[in-house]
Amino acid sequence: NNNVWIGFGDGLMMFNGTAFIDLSENLTFKNVTAIKKDMDGKIWIGTFYGLTCNDNGAWKKYTSSDLGLDSYIYAITVDINNKVWISRNGGLSIYNGSMWS
């Protein structure tokens, strides 16, 4: 789809070509630091306190218990094998489709 995702200091908006939709309530925290779309179309949103994934409307939150002690997300990228990489205060983490390491 051609949705535009916009993160800012107080939340997340999506523009669907007609209207802006506030999706902030789905986040681990409202301060958005990074947004990335993977090869499957999932949208990954990094925040001050964790990561949220939108998979075709289904939301999954990853917090410090999933990511490690410090979950401030600086950046998100996806490699050629569709693995999601995040940089955070506690280091670098990779998601293999089922778990973080």
C-alpha atoms as a PDB file:
ATOM      1  CA  ASN A   1       0.000   0.000   0.000  1.00  0.00           C
ATOM      2  CA  ASN A   2       1.016   3.638  -0.239  1.00  0.00           C
ATOM      3  CA  ASN A   3       0.476   4.701   3.364  1.00  0.00           C
ATOM      4  CA  VAL A   4       2.858   7.288   4.759  1.00  0.00           C
ATOM      5  CA  TRP A   5       4.006   6.683   8.354  1.00  0.00           C
ATOM      6  CA  ILE A   6       5.022   9.719  10.418  1.00  0.00           C
ATOM      7  CA  GLY A   7       6.640   9.441  13.832  1.00  0.00           C
ATOM      8  CA  PHE A   8       7.233  12.394  16.119  1.00  0.00           C
ATOM      9  CA  GLY A   9       7.880  13.288  19.746  1.00  0.00           C
ATOM     10  CA  ASP A  10       4.322  12.608  20.808  1.00  0.00           C
ATOM     11  CA  GLY A  11       3.173   9.672  18.723  1.00  0.00           C
ATOM     12  CA  LEU A  12       2.580   8.063  15.364  1.00  0.00           C
ATOM     13  CA  MET A  13       0.357   9.074  12.479  1.00  0.00           C
ATOM     14  CA  MET A  14      -0.431   7.293   9.237  1.00  0.00           C
ATOM     15  CA  PHE A  15      -1.621   9.110   6.130  1.00  0.00           C
ATOM     16  CA  ASN A  16      -3.656   6.789   3.877  1.00  0.00           C
ATOM     17  CA  GLY A  17      -3.958   9.226   0.974  1.00  0.00           C
ATOM     18  CA  THR A  18      -7.162  10.726   2.318  1.00  0.00           C
ATOM     19  CA  ALA A  19      -6.833  11.256   6.055  1.00  0.00           C
ATOM     20  CA  PHE A  20      -4.341  11.230   8.915  1.00  0.00           C
ATOM     21  CA  ILE A  21      -4.951   8.447  11.436  1.00  0.00           C
ATOM     22  CA  ASP A  22      -3.512   8.660  14.949  1.00  0.00           C
ATOM     23  CA  LEU A  23      -2.007   5.276  15.892  1.00  0.00           C
ATOM     24  CA  SER A  24      -0.125   6.432  18.996  1.00  0.00           C
ATOM     25  CA  GLU A  25      -2.073   4.228  21.417  1.00  0.00           C
ATOM     26  CA  ASN A  26      -0.508   1.132  19.822  1.00  0.00           C
ATOM     27  CA  LEU A  27       3.084   2.077  20.683  1.00  0.00           C
ATOM     28  CA  THR A  28       5.305   0.944  23.546  1.00  0.00           C
ATOM     29  CA  PHE A  29       5.966   4.654  24.179  1.00  0.00           C
ATOM     30  CA  LYS A  30       4.876   7.779  22.309  1.00  0.00           C
ATOM     31  CA  ASN A  31       8.314   9.226  21.465  1.00  0.00           C
ATOM     32  CA  VAL A  32       9.085   7.697  18.039  1.00  0.00           C
ATOM     33  CA  THR A  33      12.780   7.452  17.160  1.00  0.00           C
ATOM     34  CA  ALA A  34      12.775   5.255  14.014  1.00  0.00           C
ATOM     35  CA  ILE A  35      10.425   3.680  11.455  1.00  0.00           C
ATOM     36  CA  LYS A  36      11.262   0.907   8.957  1.00  0.00           C
ATOM     37  CA  LYS A  37       9.245  -1.317   6.615  1.00  0.00           C
ATOM     38  CA  ASP A  38      10.508  -4.876   6.096  1.00  0.00           C
ATOM     39  CA  MET A  39      10.207  -7.040   2.958  1.00  0.00           C
ATOM     40  CA  ASP A  40       6.966  -8.616   4.223  1.00  0.00           C
ATOM     41  CA  GLY A  41       5.348  -5.191   4.591  1.00  0.00           C
ATOM     42  CA  LYS A  42       5.574  -5.084   8.391  1.00  0.00           C
ATOM     43  CA  ILE A  43       6.152  -1.630   9.848  1.00  0.00           C
ATOM     44  CA  TRP A  44       8.661  -1.484  12.718  1.00  0.00           C
ATOM     45  CA  ILE A  45       8.505   1.554  15.026  1.00  0.00           C
ATOM     46  CA  GLY A  46      11.277   2.312  17.529  1.00  0.00           C
ATOM     47  CA  THR A  47      10.628   4.439  20.607  1.00  0.00           C
ATOM     48  CA  PHE A  48      12.377   5.622  23.774  1.00  0.00           C
ATOM     49  CA  TYR A  49      11.175   2.446  25.537  1.00  0.00           C
ATOM     50  CA  GLY A  50      10.882  -0.388  23.054  1.00  0.00           C
ATOM     51  CA  LEU A  51       9.760  -1.414  19.632  1.00  0.00           C
ATOM     52  CA  THR A  52       6.352  -1.938  18.066  1.00  0.00           C
ATOM     53  CA  CYS A  53       5.551  -3.922  14.919  1.00  0.00           C
ATOM     54  CA  ASN A  54       2.462  -3.451  12.766  1.00  0.00           C
ATOM     55  CA  ASP A  55       1.749  -6.593  10.749  1.00  0.00           C
ATOM     56  CA  ASN A  56      -1.200  -5.724   8.508  1.00  0.00           C
ATOM     57  CA  GLY A  57      -3.105  -4.120  11.384  1.00  0.00           C
ATOM     58  CA  ALA A  58      -1.993  -6.516  14.153  1.00  0.00           C
ATOM     59  CA  TRP A  59       0.246  -4.778  16.699  1.00  0.00           C
ATOM     60  CA  LYS A  60       3.062  -6.486  18.648  1.00  0.00           C
ATOM     61  CA  LYS A  61       5.071  -4.676  21.330  1.00  0.00           C
ATOM     62  CA  TYR A  62       8.649  -5.516  22.332  1.00  0.00           C
ATOM     63  CA  THR A  63       9.895  -4.044  25.595  1.00  0.00           C
ATOM     64  CA  SER A  64      13.035  -4.358  27.714  1.00  0.00           C
ATOM     65  CA  SER A  65      12.029  -7.895  28.722  1.00  0.00           C
ATOM     66  CA  ASP A  66      12.238  -8.875  25.026  1.00  0.00           C
ATOM     67  CA  LEU A  67      15.123  -6.659  23.907  1.00  0.00           C
ATOM     68  CA  GLY A  68      17.376  -6.492  26.933  1.00  0.00           C
ATOM     69  CA  LEU A  69      17.738  -4.138  29.849  1.00  0.00           C
ATOM     70  CA  ASP A  70      17.913  -0.930  27.788  1.00  0.00           C
ATOM     71  CA  SER A  71      15.352  -0.619  25.032  1.00  0.00           C
ATOM     72  CA  TYR A  72      15.899   2.959  23.734  1.00  0.00           C
ATOM     73  CA  ILE A  73      15.854   2.414  19.951  1.00  0.00           C
ATOM     74  CA  TYR A  74      18.197   4.560  17.844  1.00  0.00           C
ATOM     75  CA  ALA A  75      17.806   2.974  14.421  1.00  0.00           C
ATOM     76  CA  ILE A  76      16.134   0.090  12.589  1.00  0.00           C
ATOM     77  CA  THR A  77      17.285  -1.610   9.403  1.00  0.00           C
ATOM     78  CA  VAL A  78      16.402  -4.759   7.464  1.00  0.00           C
ATOM     79  CA  ASP A  79      19.033  -6.937   5.802  1.00  0.00           C
ATOM     80  CA  ILE A  80      18.787  -8.878   2.508  1.00  0.00           C
ATOM     81  CA  ASN A  81      17.449 -11.906   4.416  1.00  0.00           C
ATOM     82  CA  ASN A  82      14.618  -9.793   5.889  1.00  0.00           C
ATOM     83  CA  LYS A  83      16.073  -9.908   9.391  1.00  0.00           C
ATOM     84  CA  VAL A  84      15.341  -6.818  11.464  1.00  0.00           C
ATOM     85  CA  TRP A  85      18.313  -5.155  13.164  1.00  0.00           C
ATOM     86  CA  ILE A  86      17.992  -2.502  15.853  1.00  0.00           C
ATOM     87  CA  SER A  87      20.593  -0.329  17.502  1.00  0.00           C
ATOM     88  CA  ARG A  88      19.823   0.570  21.088  1.00  0.00           C
ATOM     89  CA  ASN A  89      21.599   1.852  24.183  1.00  0.00           C
ATOM     90  CA  GLY A  90      22.348  -1.742  25.200  1.00  0.00           C
ATOM     91  CA  GLY A  91      23.948  -2.647  21.847  1.00  0.00           C
ATOM     92  CA  LEU A  92      22.775  -4.252  18.632  1.00  0.00           C
ATOM     93  CA  SER A  93      19.950  -6.791  18.372  1.00  0.00           C
ATOM     94  CA  ILE A  94      18.642  -8.932  15.508  1.00  0.00           C
ATOM     95  CA  TYR A  95      15.196 -10.484  15.065  1.00  0.00           C
ATOM     96  CA  ASN A  96      15.131 -13.800  13.230  1.00  0.00           C
ATOM     97  CA  GLY A  97      11.358 -13.953  12.833  1.00  0.00           C
ATOM     98  CA  SER A  98      10.637 -15.507  16.206  1.00  0.00           C
ATOM     99  CA  MET A  99      13.096 -14.127  18.761  1.00  0.00           C
ATOM    100  CA  TRP A 100      15.611 -11.361  19.465  1.00  0.00           C
ATOM    101  CA  SER A 101      19.308 -12.013  20.030  1.00  0.00           C
END
